[in-house]
Amino acid sequence: METKESLFKPLIEKAEAYGKTSLHLLKLKTVDKTSGFISTFISRLLLVIFCTISLVTLNIAVALWLGDLLGKSYYGFFIVAGFYGLIGLILYITHPSVKEKISKQIIQQILN
């Protein structure tokens, strides 16, 4: 009859191999999620940078155009600033719902 050690040795080796494989799989999944998150972040960051540059240029042009129509260039800048102040107020009021939607999207992307 075989000893207890010889009976459990293959089982322990298989459990050890399973543990190593599970750890390796976890590492690969982590790398996959991290690379997906970082690549999405960088591509969106570049999009935001270029859109911001375009919008700043457009806002300066609109402010100068409105100022030209009204006779004083600073009037156009006041109007554009007031417009963005109004948008900022609306965003401040709707902040909780926007924050919740963004949070849900981040969690969904991490878990999928």
N, C-alpha and C. Protein backbone atom coordinates (compact mmCIF):
# COMPACT_ATOMS: atom_id res chain seq x y z
N MET A 1 0.83 -1.17 0.00
CA MET A 1 0.00 0.00 0.00
C MET A 1 0.88 1.25 0.00
N GLU A 2 0.47 2.23 -0.76
CA GLU A 2 1.26 3.44 -0.89
C GLU A 2 1.15 4.28 0.38
N THR A 3 2.17 5.08 0.59
CA THR A 3 2.14 5.95 1.76
C THR A 3 1.27 7.15 1.47
N LYS A 4 0.89 7.81 2.55
CA LYS A 4 0.03 9.00 2.41
C LYS A 4 0.74 10.09 1.61
N GLU A 5 2.05 10.19 1.81
CA GLU A 5 2.81 11.21 1.11
C GLU A 5 2.78 10.98 -0.39
N SER A 6 2.91 9.76 -0.83
CA SER A 6 2.90 9.48 -2.25
C SER A 6 1.51 9.65 -2.87
N LEU A 7 0.48 9.53 -2.03
CA LEU A 7 -0.88 9.76 -2.54
C LEU A 7 -1.17 11.25 -2.72
N PHE A 8 -0.66 12.07 -1.81
CA PHE A 8 -0.97 13.50 -1.86
C PHE A 8 0.00 14.31 -2.71
N LYS A 9 1.14 13.73 -3.04
CA LYS A 9 2.16 14.46 -3.80
C LYS A 9 1.64 14.92 -5.17
N PRO A 10 1.01 14.06 -5.97
CA PRO A 10 0.47 14.53 -7.26
C PRO A 10 -0.62 15.59 -7.09
N LEU A 11 -1.41 15.42 -6.04
CA LEU A 11 -2.48 16.39 -5.78
C LEU A 11 -1.89 17.75 -5.42
N ILE A 12 -0.87 17.76 -4.60
CA ILE A 12 -0.22 19.01 -4.21
C ILE A 12 0.45 19.65 -5.42
N GLU A 13 1.08 18.86 -6.28
CA GLU A 13 1.72 19.40 -7.47
C GLU A 13 0.70 20.02 -8.42
N LYS A 14 -0.43 19.36 -8.56
CA LYS A 14 -1.49 19.90 -9.43
C LYS A 14 -2.07 21.19 -8.84
N ALA A 15 -2.25 21.22 -7.53
CA ALA A 15 -2.77 22.43 -6.87
C ALA A 15 -1.78 23.58 -7.03
N GLU A 16 -0.50 23.28 -6.92
CA GLU A 16 0.53 24.31 -7.08
C GLU A 16 0.53 24.82 -8.52
N ALA A 17 0.43 23.92 -9.48
CA ALA A 17 0.39 24.32 -10.89
C ALA A 17 -0.86 25.15 -11.17
N TYR A 18 -1.99 24.77 -10.58
CA TYR A 18 -3.23 25.52 -10.75
C TYR A 18 -3.09 26.92 -10.16
N GLY A 19 -2.48 27.00 -8.99
CA GLY A 19 -2.27 28.30 -8.35
C GLY A 19 -1.39 29.21 -9.20
N LYS A 20 -0.30 28.65 -9.75
CA LYS A 20 0.59 29.44 -10.60
C LYS A 20 -0.13 29.89 -11.87
N THR A 21 -0.91 29.00 -12.46
CA THR A 21 -1.66 29.34 -13.67
C THR A 21 -2.70 30.41 -13.39
N SER A 22 -3.38 30.28 -12.25
CA SER A 22 -4.38 31.29 -11.88
C SER A 22 -3.73 32.64 -11.65
N LEU A 23 -2.58 32.66 -11.01
CA LEU A 23 -1.87 33.91 -10.77
C LEU A 23 -1.42 34.53 -12.10
N HIS A 24 -0.93 33.72 -13.00
CA HIS A 24 -0.51 34.21 -14.32
C HIS A 24 -1.71 34.77 -15.09
N LEU A 25 -2.83 34.09 -15.02
CA LEU A 25 -4.04 34.58 -15.69
C LEU A 25 -4.49 35.90 -15.09
N LEU A 26 -4.42 36.03 -13.78
CA LEU A 26 -4.79 37.28 -13.12
C LEU A 26 -3.87 38.41 -13.58
N LYS A 27 -2.57 38.14 -13.70
CA LYS A 27 -1.63 39.15 -14.18
C LYS A 27 -1.98 39.58 -15.61
N LEU A 28 -2.28 38.61 -16.46
CA LEU A 28 -2.61 38.93 -17.85
C LEU A 28 -3.91 39.74 -17.94
N LYS A 29 -4.89 39.39 -17.13
CA LYS A 29 -6.15 40.16 -17.13
C LYS A 29 -5.90 41.58 -16.64
N THR A 30 -5.05 41.72 -15.62
CA THR A 30 -4.72 43.04 -15.10
C THR A 30 -4.02 43.89 -16.16
N VAL A 31 -3.07 43.29 -16.86
CA VAL A 31 -2.37 44.00 -17.92
C VAL A 31 -3.35 44.41 -19.03
N ASP A 32 -4.27 43.52 -19.38
CA ASP A 32 -5.25 43.82 -20.42
C ASP A 32 -6.13 45.00 -20.01
N LYS A 33 -6.66 44.96 -18.80
CA LYS A 33 -7.53 46.04 -18.33
C LYS A 33 -6.76 47.36 -18.21
N THR A 34 -5.55 47.29 -17.68
CA THR A 34 -4.75 48.49 -17.51
C THR A 34 -4.39 49.11 -18.85
N SER A 35 -3.97 48.29 -19.80
CA SER A 35 -3.60 48.84 -21.11
C SER A 35 -4.83 49.42 -21.82
N GLY A 36 -5.97 48.77 -21.68
CA GLY A 36 -7.20 49.31 -22.27
C GLY A 36 -7.59 50.64 -21.66
N PHE A 37 -7.47 50.73 -20.34
CA PHE A 37 -7.82 51.96 -19.64
C PHE A 37 -6.87 53.09 -20.02
N ILE A 38 -5.57 52.80 -20.03
CA ILE A 38 -4.57 53.83 -20.33
C ILE A 38 -4.68 54.28 -21.79
N SER A 39 -4.88 53.35 -22.71
CA SER A 39 -4.99 53.75 -24.12
C SER A 39 -6.24 54.59 -24.36
N THR A 40 -7.33 54.24 -23.70
CA THR A 40 -8.55 55.05 -23.81
C THR A 40 -8.32 56.43 -23.23
N PHE A 41 -7.67 56.49 -22.07
CA PHE A 41 -7.40 57.76 -21.41
C PHE A 41 -6.54 58.66 -22.29
N ILE A 42 -5.46 58.11 -22.86
CA ILE A 42 -4.55 58.92 -23.67
C ILE A 42 -5.23 59.41 -24.95
N SER A 43 -5.99 58.54 -25.60
CA SER A 43 -6.66 58.97 -26.83
C SER A 43 -7.70 60.04 -26.54
N ARG A 44 -8.41 59.90 -25.44
CA ARG A 44 -9.41 60.93 -25.09
C ARG A 44 -8.73 62.22 -24.65
N LEU A 45 -7.60 62.10 -23.97
CA LEU A 45 -6.86 63.29 -23.56
C LEU A 45 -6.39 64.07 -24.77
N LEU A 46 -5.88 63.38 -25.78
CA LEU A 46 -5.46 64.07 -27.01
C LEU A 46 -6.65 64.74 -27.69
N LEU A 47 -7.78 64.06 -27.72
CA LEU A 47 -8.98 64.64 -28.31
C LEU A 47 -9.39 65.91 -27.56
N VAL A 48 -9.35 65.86 -26.23
CA VAL A 48 -9.71 67.03 -25.42
C VAL A 48 -8.74 68.18 -25.66
N ILE A 49 -7.45 67.87 -25.77
CA ILE A 49 -6.46 68.93 -26.00
C ILE A 49 -6.72 69.63 -27.33
N PHE A 50 -6.91 68.87 -28.39
CA PHE A 50 -7.12 69.49 -29.70
C PHE A 50 -8.47 70.21 -29.78
N CYS A 51 -9.48 69.66 -29.16
CA CYS A 51 -10.78 70.36 -29.13
C CYS A 51 -10.68 71.65 -28.32
N THR A 52 -9.93 71.62 -27.24
CA THR A 52 -9.77 72.82 -26.42
C THR A 52 -9.06 73.91 -27.19
N ILE A 53 -8.00 73.56 -27.90
CA ILE A 53 -7.28 74.55 -28.70
C ILE A 53 -8.21 75.15 -29.76
N SER A 54 -9.00 74.30 -30.40
CA SER A 54 -9.94 74.79 -31.42
C SER A 54 -11.00 75.69 -30.81
N LEU A 55 -11.54 75.29 -29.67
CA LEU A 55 -12.58 76.10 -29.04
C LEU A 55 -12.05 77.43 -28.52
N VAL A 56 -10.85 77.45 -27.99
CA VAL A 56 -10.27 78.71 -27.53
C VAL A 56 -10.10 79.67 -28.70
N THR A 57 -9.58 79.16 -29.79
CA THR A 57 -9.41 79.99 -30.99
C THR A 57 -10.76 80.49 -31.51
N LEU A 58 -11.74 79.61 -31.54
CA LEU A 58 -13.07 80.00 -32.00
C LEU A 58 -13.69 81.04 -31.06
N ASN A 59 -13.52 80.86 -29.75
CA ASN A 59 -14.08 81.82 -28.79
C ASN A 59 -13.44 83.20 -28.93
N ILE A 60 -12.15 83.24 -29.16
CA ILE A 60 -11.49 84.53 -29.36
C ILE A 60 -12.03 85.20 -30.62
N ALA A 61 -12.20 84.40 -31.67
CA ALA A 61 -12.73 84.95 -32.93
C ALA A 61 -14.16 85.47 -32.73
N VAL A 62 -15.00 84.71 -32.04
CA VAL A 62 -16.38 85.15 -31.80
C VAL A 62 -16.41 86.41 -30.94
N ALA A 63 -15.57 86.44 -29.91
CA ALA A 63 -15.53 87.62 -29.03
C ALA A 63 -15.09 88.85 -29.81
N LEU A 64 -14.08 88.72 -30.64
CA LEU A 64 -13.64 89.86 -31.45
C LEU A 64 -14.70 90.29 -32.46
N TRP A 65 -15.37 89.30 -33.05
CA TRP A 65 -16.43 89.61 -34.02
C TRP A 65 -17.59 90.35 -33.34
N LEU A 66 -18.03 89.82 -32.16
CA LEU A 66 -19.11 90.50 -31.44
C LEU A 66 -18.69 91.90 -30.99
N GLY A 67 -17.45 92.01 -30.53
CA GLY A 67 -16.94 93.32 -30.14
C GLY A 67 -16.90 94.30 -31.30
N ASP A 68 -16.57 93.80 -32.48
CA ASP A 68 -16.57 94.64 -33.67
C ASP A 68 -17.97 95.10 -34.02
N LEU A 69 -18.94 94.19 -33.86
CA LEU A 69 -20.33 94.56 -34.14
C LEU A 69 -20.87 95.58 -33.13
N LEU A 70 -20.43 95.46 -31.87
CA LEU A 70 -20.94 96.34 -30.82
C LEU A 70 -20.11 97.61 -30.65
N GLY A 71 -18.99 97.71 -31.32
CA GLY A 71 -18.21 98.94 -31.27
C GLY A 71 -17.03 98.90 -30.32
N LYS A 72 -17.04 98.06 -29.32
CA LYS A 72 -15.92 97.93 -28.37
C LYS A 72 -15.54 96.46 -28.28
N SER A 73 -14.28 96.16 -28.44
CA SER A 73 -13.87 94.75 -28.48
C SER A 73 -14.13 94.03 -27.17
N TYR A 74 -14.01 94.74 -26.05
CA TYR A 74 -14.22 94.06 -24.77
C TYR A 74 -15.67 93.68 -24.54
N TYR A 75 -16.62 94.30 -25.22
CA TYR A 75 -18.02 93.88 -25.10
C TYR A 75 -18.19 92.42 -25.56
N GLY A 76 -17.53 92.09 -26.63
CA GLY A 76 -17.61 90.72 -27.14
C GLY A 76 -17.06 89.72 -26.15
N PHE A 77 -15.97 90.09 -25.48
CA PHE A 77 -15.40 89.19 -24.47
C PHE A 77 -16.33 89.06 -23.27
N PHE A 78 -17.00 90.14 -22.89
CA PHE A 78 -17.98 90.07 -21.79
C PHE A 78 -19.14 89.14 -22.14
N ILE A 79 -19.61 89.23 -23.37
CA ILE A 79 -20.72 88.37 -23.80
C ILE A 79 -20.30 86.90 -23.80
N VAL A 80 -19.13 86.62 -24.35
CA VAL A 80 -18.64 85.23 -24.39
C VAL A 80 -18.42 84.72 -22.97
N ALA A 81 -17.85 85.53 -22.09
CA ALA A 81 -17.64 85.13 -20.69
C ALA A 81 -18.97 84.88 -19.99
N GLY A 82 -19.96 85.73 -20.25
CA GLY A 82 -21.28 85.52 -19.66
C GLY A 82 -21.93 84.23 -20.14
N PHE A 83 -21.74 83.92 -21.41
CA PHE A 83 -22.27 82.67 -21.97
C PHE A 83 -21.66 81.47 -21.26
N TYR A 84 -20.33 81.50 -21.09
CA TYR A 84 -19.68 80.37 -20.41
C TYR A 84 -19.99 80.35 -18.91
N GLY A 85 -20.22 81.49 -18.33
CA GLY A 85 -20.66 81.53 -16.93
C GLY A 85 -22.02 80.86 -16.77
N LEU A 86 -22.92 81.10 -17.73
CA LEU A 86 -24.24 80.46 -17.71
C LEU A 86 -24.12 78.95 -17.87
N ILE A 87 -23.26 78.52 -18.79
CA ILE A 87 -23.03 77.08 -18.96
C ILE A 87 -22.44 76.47 -17.69
N GLY A 88 -21.49 77.19 -17.07
CA GLY A 88 -20.90 76.71 -15.81
C GLY A 88 -21.93 76.58 -14.71
N LEU A 89 -22.86 77.50 -14.63
CA LEU A 89 -23.93 77.42 -13.63
C LEU A 89 -24.83 76.22 -13.88
N ILE A 90 -25.17 75.98 -15.13
CA ILE A 90 -25.99 74.81 -15.47
C ILE A 90 -25.26 73.52 -15.12
N LEU A 91 -23.95 73.45 -15.43
CA LEU A 91 -23.17 72.27 -15.09
C LEU A 91 -23.05 72.09 -13.58
N TYR A 92 -22.95 73.17 -12.85
CA TYR A 92 -22.87 73.08 -11.39
C TYR A 92 -24.16 72.51 -10.81
N ILE A 93 -25.28 72.90 -11.38
CA ILE A 93 -26.57 72.41 -10.90
C ILE A 93 -26.76 70.93 -11.24
N THR A 94 -26.31 70.52 -12.41
CA THR A 94 -26.50 69.13 -12.85
C THR A 94 -25.32 68.23 -12.49
N HIS A 95 -24.38 68.72 -11.69
CA HIS A 95 -23.16 67.98 -11.35
C HIS A 95 -23.42 66.59 -10.77
N PRO A 96 -24.33 66.40 -9.82
CA PRO A 96 -24.50 65.05 -9.25
C PRO A 96 -24.89 63.99 -10.28
N SER A 97 -25.78 64.31 -11.19
CA SER A 97 -26.19 63.31 -12.17
C SER A 97 -25.08 63.03 -13.18
N VAL A 98 -24.32 64.06 -13.56
CA VAL A 98 -23.20 63.87 -14.48
C VAL A 98 -22.12 63.02 -13.81
N LYS A 99 -21.84 63.30 -12.55
CA LYS A 99 -20.84 62.55 -11.81
C LYS A 99 -21.23 61.08 -11.70
N GLU A 100 -22.49 60.80 -11.46
CA GLU A 100 -22.97 59.43 -11.35
C GLU A 100 -22.83 58.68 -12.67
N LYS A 101 -23.17 59.31 -13.78
CA LYS A 101 -23.05 58.67 -15.09
C LYS A 101 -21.60 58.36 -15.43
N ILE A 102 -20.70 59.30 -15.16
CA ILE A 102 -19.28 59.08 -15.44
C ILE A 102 -18.75 57.96 -14.56
N SER A 103 -19.14 57.95 -13.31
CA SER A 103 -18.70 56.89 -12.39
C SER A 103 -19.16 55.52 -12.87
N LYS A 104 -20.40 55.42 -13.31
CA LYS A 104 -20.91 54.15 -13.81
C LYS A 104 -20.16 53.69 -15.06
N GLN A 105 -19.81 54.62 -15.95
CA GLN A 105 -19.07 54.26 -17.15
C GLN A 105 -17.67 53.74 -16.81
N ILE A 106 -17.02 54.39 -15.85
CA ILE A 106 -15.67 53.95 -15.46
C ILE A 106 -15.73 52.56 -14.85
N ILE A 107 -16.69 52.33 -13.96
CA ILE A 107 -16.83 51.02 -13.33
C ILE A 107 -17.14 49.95 -14.38
N GLN A 108 -18.02 50.27 -15.31
CA GLN A 108 -18.39 49.31 -16.36
C GLN A 108 -17.19 48.97 -17.22
N GLN A 109 -16.36 49.96 -17.57
CA GLN A 109 -15.20 49.67 -18.40
C GLN A 109 -14.18 48.86 -17.66
N ILE A 110 -14.01 49.09 -16.37
CA ILE A 110 -13.03 48.31 -15.59
C ILE A 110 -13.49 46.88 -15.42
N LEU A 111 -14.77 46.66 -15.19
CA LEU A 111 -15.27 45.31 -14.91
C LEU A 111 -15.51 44.48 -16.16
N ASN A 112 -15.61 45.08 -17.31
CA ASN A 112 -15.84 44.31 -18.55
C ASN A 112 -14.57 43.88 -19.19
